[in-house]
Amino acid sequence: MERNMSFYPKLIGAVCGVCAAGALIYAGVSALDKAGVSTDGILSSKPTLTVWYTEEKLEDYLSAMALEYQDATGVRVVPVLKSGLEYLEAVNDASIAEESMPDVYLISNDGLEKAYLAGLAVNVKDQNAVLNTENFPQTALDAVTYQGHAVAYPLYFETSALVYNQTYLEQAAAELETDEMSLIPKTIEDIRNFADEYNAPETVESVFRWDVSDFFYNYFFAGNYITVGGSCGDDSSRINIYNQDAVYGLAAYQKLSQFFSIDAETSSYDQVVQDFLDGKLVYTIATTDILDRVVQAKADGSFAWEYGVASLPDISETVCSRGISVTGSIVVNGYGKHQDEADNFAAWLCTDSADKLFDRSTLVPAKKSAAQQTEEMAAFWQEYSQTVPVPKLMATANFWVQMEIAETKIWEGENVSDVLKDLSEKIMTQVTGTQYVEEEYIEVPTETQIDYAESEEE
C-alpha cells in the first residue's frame, strides 16, 4: 500500500522544531530540578488514542470507558462513530493520508482478512495473555485468528438460540404430568411431537415460528456439516458445502415447511419476536437482541410470562445442528503511531471493562465471566461457544447471500440436492478461479429419521 510521501519535507522542519523545543524543555526541567520542584511526568506525556466504530449501540459504552481508561492510565481516548458504508475503505484512506486515522477500530470478524492484508490490522501483542480459553470460548479465539495469529481482540458476539415461553411449558408439563425440563426440545422431532400433544391456550397462534427468510436463523440445519474456510474461516483449501449430512439437514428443514405454515416471502424477524412477546408463540429462534426487548416489555407490562433460552435443537438424535456467529472485534491499526498503547487499550476493553458492556449497549460480551449476568445471557454465550464463526475469506464473501437464496428455494420446495450442489459449484468456482463441477450427485433421502406429517399445524 503506497503511503502519501508529501509529508517528508514537513517532517524535516518538524524535527528541527522538536529539537529546539526539546532544548527549551530540558532547560526548563533543569531549572525546576534545581529549584527542588518535582518533574515526574513532564517528559512522559501520554498519547491520545482515536477509536472508530460503526455500531450505534456502543456509543454510551465507549464514551464511559474512554473516561474510565483515562482516569486509570492517563491515556486519552476519543471514540468516533462512523458510517458502516465502506467503513474499512475509510479506515484505509485516513491511514494513508495520516489525517485523523484511528489507532483502534471495531469491525466484525469476517472483515479481518481484508484488514490484515491491507496492513490495517497487526498481530496483537497480548502482553497480559488475556486471549485464552479461561476468558473466551474457542469460538471467539478462532474468530480473531488469521493464518495462525491473533489479529484482534474479541469484544462481543451475535448468534441465534432457541427461545421459549417458560410459563407455557410449566402449564403444559402440569397437564401432561411430566417435568418442565423435558419439554425443552433437544431435537426438531421433539418440537413436532410437542405440537401434536399440546393443548394450546387461546393466545398461542403457533408452537414454533422463526424467520425462515434469513440464513442466520436457518444455518444451523446444515451448519455442522458445511465448512467454509476451516475452524478459523481463513483456509481456502478447506471448503465442503455439498455432502450427505448437509443434504439431510436441509431436507429436514424443507419438511418443516409442510408442518409449520410460514411464508418465506412475508417472514420477518422483527414480527416473529413481537409475536413471541405477545404470547403467540411457544418456541422461536432469536438473536441476543431479544434479551433487552424482553426487559423493556416486562418494564411496560406487555410481557406477562417467564421465558428461557436454550441451545438450538439438533436435527435428530444422530444429525447435529450448529449455528453461526459474528464476533465484534477490536483491531489495532497497522498504520497507527501508538501501537503499544492501542494494544493495551484494546486488551483492557475486552476484559476489564467487559462486564459493563451489556448494561451500556445491550450487546453481549464475548468474555465468559462478563456474560453470566443472567441465565438467559449465559445460555446465549453457551450457544455462542458451540457455533462456527462467520469466515474471513474474501473469496467467499457472497456465500451468505447465496446460502440465504438457496435456503429460500429449499423452503419453497425445490430439490434440496440440486440447490446445494449448485451453491457448492458456484462457491468453488469463485475460490479456484476455474469452472468447478461436483463429481457425484447425492440423492435426497426418501426416508428420514424425522418423519414429519404432511399436514399443516392446526
Protein backbone atom coordinates (compact mmCIF):
# COMPACT_ATOMS: atom_id res chain seq x y z
CA MET A 1 0.00 0.00 0.00
CA GLU A 2 1.58 3.32 -1.10
CA ARG A 3 1.86 5.98 1.56
CA ASN A 4 1.50 9.72 0.98
CA MET A 5 5.09 10.92 0.50
CA SER A 6 4.35 14.66 0.70
CA PHE A 7 4.75 14.74 4.47
CA TYR A 8 8.55 14.14 4.39
CA PRO A 9 9.60 17.80 3.74
CA LYS A 10 7.28 18.83 6.56
CA LEU A 11 8.82 16.15 8.75
CA ILE A 12 12.33 17.67 8.41
CA GLY A 13 11.04 21.03 9.57
CA ALA A 14 9.10 19.35 12.35
CA VAL A 15 12.24 17.54 13.56
CA CYS A 16 14.14 20.82 13.72
CA GLY A 17 11.28 22.33 15.66
CA VAL A 18 11.21 19.39 18.04
CA CYS A 19 14.95 19.70 18.65
CA ALA A 20 14.60 23.37 19.51
CA ALA A 21 11.60 22.65 21.69
CA GLY A 22 13.49 19.80 23.34
CA ALA A 23 16.33 22.16 24.27
CA LEU A 24 13.86 24.58 25.83
CA ILE A 25 12.10 21.80 27.75
CA TYR A 26 15.43 20.45 29.01
CA ALA A 27 16.48 23.90 30.20
CA GLY A 28 13.14 24.38 31.91
CA VAL A 29 13.25 20.97 33.58
CA SER A 30 16.80 21.58 34.78
CA ALA A 31 15.72 24.84 36.33
CA LEU A 32 12.82 23.15 38.10
CA ASP A 33 15.10 20.39 39.38
CA LYS A 34 17.50 22.95 40.82
CA ALA A 35 14.56 24.67 42.46
CA GLY A 36 13.52 21.39 44.11
CA VAL A 37 10.26 21.07 42.10
CA SER A 38 9.27 17.53 41.05
CA THR A 39 9.41 16.98 37.28
CA ASP A 40 7.91 13.48 37.23
CA GLY A 41 5.72 13.06 34.17
CA ILE A 42 6.78 16.25 32.35
CA LEU A 43 8.77 14.26 29.79
CA SER A 44 6.35 11.33 29.66
CA SER A 45 3.24 12.82 28.14
CA LYS A 46 0.51 10.31 27.31
CA PRO A 47 -0.78 9.85 23.74
CA THR A 48 -4.35 10.36 22.59
CA LEU A 49 -5.96 7.29 21.03
CA THR A 50 -8.70 7.58 18.42
CA VAL A 51 -11.21 4.72 18.30
CA TRP A 52 -13.57 4.23 15.37
CA TYR A 53 -16.76 2.16 15.49
CA THR A 54 -19.98 1.77 13.48
CA GLU A 55 -22.40 0.19 15.95
CA GLU A 56 -24.51 2.97 17.48
CA LYS A 57 -25.31 0.82 20.49
CA LEU A 58 -21.67 1.20 21.57
CA GLU A 59 -21.79 4.98 21.89
CA ASP A 60 -22.58 5.21 25.60
CA TYR A 61 -20.30 2.30 26.48
CA LEU A 62 -17.25 3.61 24.63
CA SER A 63 -17.72 7.15 25.93
CA ALA A 64 -17.89 5.92 29.51
CA MET A 65 -14.96 3.53 29.10
CA ALA A 66 -12.84 6.25 27.49
CA LEU A 67 -13.20 8.38 30.63
CA GLU A 68 -12.57 5.41 32.90
CA TYR A 69 -9.45 4.42 30.98
CA GLN A 70 -8.09 7.96 31.09
CA ASP A 71 -8.63 8.13 34.84
CA ALA A 72 -6.80 4.83 35.28
CA THR A 73 -3.90 5.33 32.87
CA GLY A 74 -3.73 8.96 31.81
CA VAL A 75 -4.24 7.94 28.17
CA ARG A 76 -6.94 10.00 26.48
CA VAL A 77 -9.33 8.01 24.26
CA VAL A 78 -11.57 9.64 21.66
CA PRO A 79 -14.37 7.40 20.30
CA VAL A 80 -15.66 8.33 16.84
CA LEU A 81 -18.88 6.90 15.40
CA LYS A 82 -18.52 6.29 11.64
CA SER A 83 -20.82 5.13 8.88
CA GLY A 84 -20.79 1.41 8.18
CA LEU A 85 -20.77 2.05 4.42
CA GLU A 86 -17.28 1.43 3.01
CA TYR A 87 -16.01 1.53 6.57
CA LEU A 88 -12.75 -0.32 6.03
CA GLU A 89 -12.06 1.82 2.97
CA ALA A 90 -12.49 4.90 5.18
CA VAL A 91 -10.00 3.45 7.69
CA ASN A 92 -7.59 2.85 4.82
CA ASP A 93 -7.96 6.34 3.34
CA ALA A 94 -7.47 8.07 6.69
CA SER A 95 -4.46 5.90 7.46
CA ILE A 96 -2.73 6.61 4.15
CA ALA A 97 -3.42 10.32 4.43
CA GLU A 98 -2.34 10.20 8.10
CA GLU A 99 -5.19 12.52 8.96
CA SER A 100 -7.45 11.67 11.89
CA MET A 101 -6.76 7.98 11.44
CA PRO A 102 -7.99 5.53 14.08
CA ASP A 103 -5.43 3.92 16.35
CA VAL A 104 -8.03 1.29 17.19
CA TYR A 105 -11.21 0.37 15.36
CA LEU A 106 -14.02 -2.13 15.78
CA ILE A 107 -15.01 -4.49 12.99
CA SER A 108 -16.81 -7.83 12.69
CA ASN A 109 -14.52 -10.82 12.38
CA ASP A 110 -15.47 -11.51 8.75
CA GLY A 111 -13.55 -8.37 7.73
CA LEU A 112 -10.26 -9.39 9.35
CA GLU A 113 -8.62 -10.98 6.29
CA LYS A 114 -9.20 -7.86 4.23
CA ALA A 115 -7.98 -5.64 7.06
CA TYR A 116 -4.86 -7.70 7.69
CA LEU A 117 -3.84 -7.99 4.04
CA ALA A 118 -4.28 -4.23 3.66
CA GLY A 119 -1.93 -3.58 6.58
CA LEU A 120 -4.79 -2.18 8.64
CA ALA A 121 -4.54 -4.91 11.27
CA VAL A 122 -1.48 -6.32 13.01
CA ASN A 123 -0.77 -9.32 15.19
CA VAL A 124 -1.87 -8.34 18.67
CA LYS A 125 0.76 -8.27 21.40
CA ASP A 126 -1.49 -9.64 24.15
CA GLN A 127 1.10 -8.70 26.76
CA ASN A 128 -1.06 -9.86 29.66
CA ALA A 129 -2.03 -13.12 27.90
CA VAL A 130 -5.77 -12.43 28.06
CA LEU A 131 -6.54 -14.41 24.90
CA ASN A 132 -7.10 -17.81 26.47
CA THR A 133 -9.95 -20.27 26.97
CA GLU A 134 -10.43 -19.19 30.58
CA ASN A 135 -11.56 -15.77 29.37
CA PHE A 136 -13.08 -16.62 25.97
CA PRO A 137 -14.58 -19.62 24.19
CA GLN A 138 -12.56 -21.19 21.42
CA THR A 139 -15.12 -19.74 19.02
CA ALA A 140 -14.03 -16.22 19.93
CA LEU A 141 -10.33 -17.08 19.68
CA ASP A 142 -10.87 -18.67 16.26
CA ALA A 143 -12.88 -15.66 15.15
CA VAL A 144 -9.95 -13.28 15.75
CA THR A 145 -7.27 -15.64 14.39
CA TYR A 146 -5.89 -15.27 10.88
CA GLN A 147 -3.23 -17.62 9.49
CA GLY A 148 -2.30 -18.81 12.96
CA HIS A 149 -2.03 -15.38 14.60
CA ALA A 150 -4.44 -13.39 16.72
CA VAL A 151 -5.07 -10.17 14.79
CA ALA A 152 -7.78 -8.66 17.01
CA TYR A 153 -9.41 -8.91 20.43
CA PRO A 154 -12.99 -10.26 20.78
CA LEU A 155 -15.40 -7.81 22.42
CA TYR A 156 -18.98 -9.02 21.79
CA PHE A 157 -20.87 -11.58 19.75
CA GLU A 158 -24.12 -12.21 17.93
CA THR A 159 -25.67 -15.61 17.42
CA SER A 160 -29.05 -17.29 17.50
CA ALA A 161 -30.54 -19.68 20.06
CA LEU A 162 -33.83 -21.35 20.91
CA VAL A 163 -36.08 -19.09 22.99
CA TYR A 164 -39.16 -20.49 24.73
CA ASN A 165 -42.09 -19.31 26.82
CA GLN A 166 -41.32 -20.90 30.17
CA THR A 167 -44.77 -20.20 31.60
CA TYR A 168 -46.44 -22.13 28.79
CA LEU A 169 -44.08 -25.06 29.29
CA GLU A 170 -44.79 -25.14 33.01
CA GLN A 171 -48.52 -25.22 32.31
CA ALA A 172 -48.11 -27.93 29.67
CA ALA A 173 -45.91 -30.00 31.97
CA ALA A 174 -48.62 -29.96 34.64
CA GLU A 175 -51.24 -31.09 32.12
CA LEU A 176 -49.03 -33.80 30.65
CA GLU A 177 -47.79 -34.83 34.09
CA THR A 178 -44.16 -34.54 33.12
CA ASP A 179 -41.16 -32.46 34.11
CA GLU A 180 -40.94 -28.99 32.57
CA MET A 181 -37.30 -29.51 31.58
CA SER A 182 -38.28 -32.46 29.40
CA LEU A 183 -40.29 -30.03 27.25
CA ILE A 184 -37.19 -28.03 26.30
CA PRO A 185 -36.55 -29.70 22.94
CA LYS A 186 -33.28 -31.44 22.18
CA THR A 187 -34.25 -32.18 18.58
CA ILE A 188 -36.58 -30.82 15.92
CA GLU A 189 -38.58 -34.02 16.33
CA ASP A 190 -39.21 -33.08 19.98
CA ILE A 191 -40.86 -29.85 18.82
CA ARG A 192 -43.02 -31.71 16.33
CA ASN A 193 -44.08 -34.22 18.97
CA PHE A 194 -44.90 -31.47 21.43
CA ALA A 195 -47.00 -29.70 18.80
CA ASP A 196 -49.03 -32.90 18.33
CA GLU A 197 -49.79 -33.21 22.05
CA TYR A 198 -50.03 -29.57 23.14
CA ASN A 199 -53.37 -28.17 24.25
CA ALA A 200 -52.56 -24.56 23.45
CA PRO A 201 -54.24 -21.62 25.21
CA GLU A 202 -56.15 -19.13 23.05
CA THR A 203 -53.24 -16.68 22.97
CA VAL A 204 -50.96 -19.17 21.19
CA GLU A 205 -51.07 -18.99 17.39
CA SER A 206 -48.17 -21.36 16.67
CA VAL A 207 -45.99 -23.72 18.67
CA PHE A 208 -42.87 -22.86 16.67
CA ARG A 209 -42.18 -19.96 14.33
CA TRP A 210 -38.97 -18.27 13.24
CA ASP A 211 -37.73 -16.08 10.41
CA VAL A 212 -37.24 -18.58 7.59
CA SER A 213 -36.08 -15.85 5.20
CA ASP A 214 -32.76 -15.15 6.99
CA PHE A 215 -29.86 -17.62 6.86
CA PHE A 216 -28.73 -16.54 10.34
CA TYR A 217 -31.75 -18.36 11.79
CA ASN A 218 -31.65 -21.29 9.35
CA TYR A 219 -27.95 -22.06 9.07
CA PHE A 220 -27.97 -24.49 11.99
CA PHE A 221 -29.84 -27.12 9.97
CA ALA A 222 -26.69 -27.82 7.95
CA GLY A 223 -24.08 -25.79 9.85
CA ASN A 224 -22.39 -28.77 11.49
CA TYR A 225 -21.60 -30.27 8.11
CA ILE A 226 -20.72 -27.24 5.98
CA THR A 227 -17.15 -25.98 6.10
CA VAL A 228 -16.10 -22.65 4.63
CA GLY A 229 -12.50 -21.89 5.48
CA GLY A 230 -11.99 -24.30 8.35
CA SER A 231 -12.37 -23.53 12.06
CA CYS A 232 -10.87 -20.05 11.71
CA GLY A 233 -12.56 -19.32 8.38
CA ASP A 234 -9.26 -18.42 6.71
CA ASP A 235 -8.24 -21.54 4.76
CA SER A 236 -9.43 -21.63 1.15
CA SER A 237 -8.39 -25.29 0.84
CA ARG A 238 -10.99 -26.30 3.43
CA ILE A 239 -14.38 -25.85 1.78
CA ASN A 240 -17.05 -28.53 1.92
CA ILE A 241 -20.62 -27.50 1.19
CA TYR A 242 -22.17 -30.40 -0.72
CA ASN A 243 -22.25 -33.60 1.33
CA GLN A 244 -24.75 -36.21 2.53
CA ASP A 245 -25.25 -34.80 6.04
CA ALA A 246 -25.78 -31.25 4.78
CA VAL A 247 -28.36 -32.54 2.29
CA TYR A 248 -30.06 -34.48 5.08
CA GLY A 249 -30.21 -31.46 7.40
CA LEU A 250 -31.70 -29.24 4.71
CA ALA A 251 -34.15 -31.97 3.72
CA ALA A 252 -35.38 -31.92 7.33
CA TYR A 253 -35.60 -28.13 7.09
CA GLN A 254 -37.73 -28.44 3.97
CA LYS A 255 -40.09 -30.90 5.64
CA LEU A 256 -40.78 -28.35 8.37
CA SER A 257 -42.38 -26.13 5.75
CA GLN A 258 -45.03 -28.83 5.39
CA PHE A 259 -45.71 -28.87 9.12
CA PHE A 260 -45.38 -25.22 10.15
CA SER A 261 -47.12 -22.80 7.86
CA ILE A 262 -44.61 -19.96 7.38
CA ASP A 263 -44.41 -17.87 4.23
CA ALA A 264 -40.77 -17.07 3.38
CA GLU A 265 -41.77 -14.01 1.36
CA THR A 266 -43.53 -12.33 4.27
CA SER A 267 -41.37 -13.76 7.07
CA SER A 268 -39.88 -11.05 9.30
CA TYR A 269 -37.60 -11.42 12.30
CA ASP A 270 -38.96 -8.32 13.99
CA GLN A 271 -42.52 -9.62 13.64
CA VAL A 272 -41.53 -13.05 14.96
CA VAL A 273 -40.01 -11.51 18.09
CA GLN A 274 -43.06 -9.32 18.57
CA ASP A 275 -45.31 -12.38 18.27
CA PHE A 276 -43.24 -14.08 20.95
CA LEU A 277 -43.52 -11.04 23.21
CA ASP A 278 -47.28 -11.02 22.63
CA GLY A 279 -47.51 -14.62 23.85
CA LYS A 280 -48.41 -16.02 20.42
CA LEU A 281 -45.50 -18.49 20.24
CA VAL A 282 -44.14 -21.23 22.47
CA TYR A 283 -40.76 -21.59 20.74
CA THR A 284 -38.80 -19.35 18.41
CA ILE A 285 -35.24 -18.76 17.25
CA ALA A 286 -33.85 -15.36 18.15
CA THR A 287 -30.62 -13.43 18.46
CA THR A 288 -29.29 -11.69 21.58
CA ASP A 289 -31.31 -8.53 20.97
CA ILE A 290 -34.31 -10.35 22.45
CA LEU A 291 -32.72 -10.07 25.91
CA ASP A 292 -33.22 -6.33 26.03
CA ARG A 293 -36.57 -6.48 24.24
CA VAL A 294 -37.92 -8.77 26.95
CA VAL A 295 -36.59 -6.43 29.64
CA GLN A 296 -38.37 -3.50 28.01
CA ALA A 297 -41.59 -5.49 27.53
CA LYS A 298 -41.57 -6.59 31.16
CA ALA A 299 -40.98 -3.00 32.25
CA ASP A 300 -44.02 -1.69 30.36
CA GLY A 301 -46.14 -4.68 31.37
CA SER A 302 -46.69 -6.07 27.87
CA PHE A 303 -44.80 -9.33 28.52
CA ALA A 304 -46.58 -11.18 31.30
CA TRP A 305 -44.73 -14.50 31.14
CA GLU A 306 -41.38 -16.01 32.08
CA TYR A 307 -39.05 -17.17 29.34
CA GLY A 308 -35.88 -19.14 28.81
CA VAL A 309 -33.05 -19.64 26.32
CA ALA A 310 -31.62 -22.99 25.23
CA SER A 311 -29.29 -24.45 22.63
CA LEU A 312 -30.55 -24.83 19.08
CA PRO A 313 -32.21 -28.24 18.68
CA ASP A 314 -30.41 -30.97 16.77
CA ILE A 315 -31.95 -32.24 13.55
CA SER A 316 -32.29 -35.73 15.01
CA GLU A 317 -30.57 -37.91 17.58
CA THR A 318 -27.78 -38.63 15.10
CA VAL A 319 -27.62 -35.46 12.98
CA CYS A 320 -26.39 -32.48 14.97
CA SER A 321 -27.11 -28.81 14.48
CA ARG A 322 -24.61 -25.97 14.65
CA GLY A 323 -25.33 -22.28 14.46
CA ILE A 324 -23.22 -19.44 13.13
CA SER A 325 -21.86 -16.39 14.94
CA VAL A 326 -20.35 -12.98 14.33
CA THR A 327 -17.75 -11.58 16.72
CA GLY A 328 -17.32 -7.85 17.16
CA SER A 329 -13.55 -7.43 17.21
CA ILE A 330 -11.13 -4.72 18.33
CA VAL A 331 -8.30 -4.12 15.85
CA VAL A 332 -5.03 -2.24 16.27
CA ASN A 333 -4.38 -0.19 13.14
CA GLY A 334 -1.14 -1.22 11.44
CA TYR A 335 -0.59 2.41 10.42
CA GLY A 336 -1.13 3.82 13.90
CA LYS A 337 1.63 5.74 15.69
CA HIS A 338 0.78 4.48 19.17
CA GLN A 339 0.50 0.73 18.67
CA ASP A 340 1.67 -0.33 22.12
CA GLU A 341 -0.82 1.98 23.82
CA ALA A 342 -3.53 0.99 21.34
CA ASP A 343 -2.93 -2.70 22.01
CA ASN A 344 -3.11 -2.17 25.78
CA PHE A 345 -6.40 -0.31 25.44
CA ALA A 346 -7.91 -2.95 23.14
CA ALA A 347 -6.99 -5.74 25.56
CA TRP A 348 -8.39 -3.75 28.50
CA LEU A 349 -11.63 -3.03 26.66
CA CYS A 350 -12.47 -6.68 26.03
CA THR A 351 -11.54 -7.85 29.54
CA ASP A 352 -11.51 -5.37 32.43
CA SER A 353 -14.48 -3.37 31.18
CA ALA A 354 -16.45 -6.19 29.53
CA ASP A 355 -18.80 -6.65 32.48
CA LYS A 356 -20.22 -3.18 31.79
CA LEU A 357 -20.84 -3.80 28.10
CA PHE A 358 -24.37 -5.19 28.22
CA ASP A 359 -25.78 -2.58 30.60
CA ARG A 360 -24.46 0.26 28.44
CA SER A 361 -25.04 -1.24 24.97
CA THR A 362 -27.28 -4.36 25.23
CA LEU A 363 -24.52 -6.23 23.36
CA VAL A 364 -23.38 -9.48 24.99
CA PRO A 365 -19.67 -9.67 25.81
CA ALA A 366 -17.52 -12.48 24.45
CA LYS A 367 -15.70 -12.75 27.79
CA LYS A 368 -17.17 -15.67 29.70
CA SER A 369 -17.34 -14.17 33.19
CA ALA A 370 -18.96 -10.99 31.86
CA ALA A 371 -21.68 -12.94 30.05
CA GLN A 372 -23.05 -14.71 33.12
CA GLN A 373 -25.18 -11.82 34.42
CA THR A 374 -28.47 -13.66 33.81
CA GLU A 375 -29.35 -17.26 32.98
CA GLU A 376 -30.64 -16.19 29.58
CA MET A 377 -27.46 -14.28 28.71
CA ALA A 378 -25.34 -17.20 29.88
CA ALA A 379 -27.37 -19.54 27.67
CA PHE A 380 -26.67 -17.36 24.63
CA TRP A 381 -22.96 -17.37 25.50
CA GLN A 382 -23.04 -21.16 25.80
CA GLU A 383 -24.63 -21.41 22.36
CA TYR A 384 -22.01 -18.98 21.01
CA SER A 385 -19.28 -21.28 22.29
CA GLN A 386 -20.67 -24.07 20.09
CA THR A 387 -21.06 -22.06 16.88
CA VAL A 388 -18.90 -21.69 13.81
CA PRO A 389 -17.55 -18.14 13.30
CA VAL A 390 -18.55 -16.41 10.10
CA PRO A 391 -15.47 -16.85 7.85
CA LYS A 392 -12.95 -14.20 6.87
CA LEU A 393 -12.22 -15.39 3.32
CA MET A 394 -12.75 -12.59 0.81
CA ALA A 395 -13.14 -15.21 -1.93
CA THR A 396 -16.34 -16.46 -0.28
CA ALA A 397 -17.72 -13.09 0.77
CA ASN A 398 -21.01 -13.66 -1.07
CA PHE A 399 -21.54 -17.16 0.34
CA TRP A 400 -24.07 -15.89 2.88
CA VAL A 401 -26.21 -14.16 0.29
CA GLN A 402 -26.10 -17.28 -1.88
CA MET A 403 -26.85 -19.53 1.12
CA GLU A 404 -29.89 -17.44 2.00
CA ILE A 405 -31.16 -17.70 -1.57
CA ALA A 406 -30.58 -21.46 -1.52
CA GLU A 407 -32.46 -21.91 1.76
CA THR A 408 -35.42 -19.94 0.44
CA LYS A 409 -35.54 -22.15 -2.65
CA ILE A 410 -35.42 -25.25 -0.47
CA TRP A 411 -38.14 -23.96 1.86
CA GLU A 412 -40.35 -23.30 -1.12
CA GLY A 413 -39.97 -26.88 -2.38
CA GLU A 414 -37.06 -27.04 -4.84
CA ASN A 415 -34.92 -30.18 -4.87
CA VAL A 416 -32.53 -29.99 -1.91
CA SER A 417 -29.63 -31.77 -3.57
CA ASP A 418 -29.87 -29.75 -6.79
CA VAL A 419 -29.91 -26.45 -4.89
CA LEU A 420 -26.99 -27.32 -2.59
CA LYS A 421 -24.94 -28.77 -5.46
CA ASP A 422 -25.44 -25.59 -7.46
CA LEU A 423 -24.42 -23.45 -4.48
CA SER A 424 -21.28 -25.52 -3.90
CA GLU A 425 -20.24 -25.29 -7.55
CA LYS A 426 -20.67 -21.52 -7.57
CA ILE A 427 -18.54 -21.02 -4.45
CA MET A 428 -15.84 -23.48 -5.54
CA THR A 429 -15.63 -21.80 -8.94
CA GLN A 430 -15.06 -18.47 -7.17
CA VAL A 431 -12.37 -19.90 -4.90
CA THR A 432 -10.48 -21.93 -7.52
CA GLY A 433 -10.88 -19.48 -10.37
CA THR A 434 -11.94 -22.25 -12.76
CA GLN A 435 -15.27 -23.83 -13.58
CA TYR A 436 -16.00 -26.41 -10.89
CA VAL A 437 -18.38 -29.34 -11.23
CA GLU A 438 -19.23 -31.79 -8.45
CA GLU A 439 -18.23 -35.37 -9.29
CA GLU A 440 -21.04 -37.32 -7.64
CA TYR A 441 -24.71 -36.49 -7.22
CA ILE A 442 -26.21 -37.04 -3.76
CA GLU A 443 -29.74 -38.37 -3.64
CA VAL A 444 -32.17 -36.70 -1.25
CA PRO A 445 -33.17 -39.25 1.41
CA THR A 446 -36.67 -40.52 0.84
CA GLU A 447 -36.95 -41.82 4.39
CA THR A 448 -35.51 -39.76 7.21
CA GLN A 449 -35.29 -40.25 10.91
CA ILE A 450 -37.70 -37.34 11.28
CA ASP A 451 -40.94 -38.33 9.59
CA TYR A 452 -42.92 -35.09 9.63
CA ALA A 453 -46.63 -35.14 8.99
CA GLU A 454 -47.67 -33.79 5.63
CA SER A 455 -50.44 -31.65 7.11
CA GLU A 456 -50.01 -28.14 8.42
CA GLU A 457 -50.01 -27.42 12.14
CA GLU A 458 -53.52 -26.86 13.43
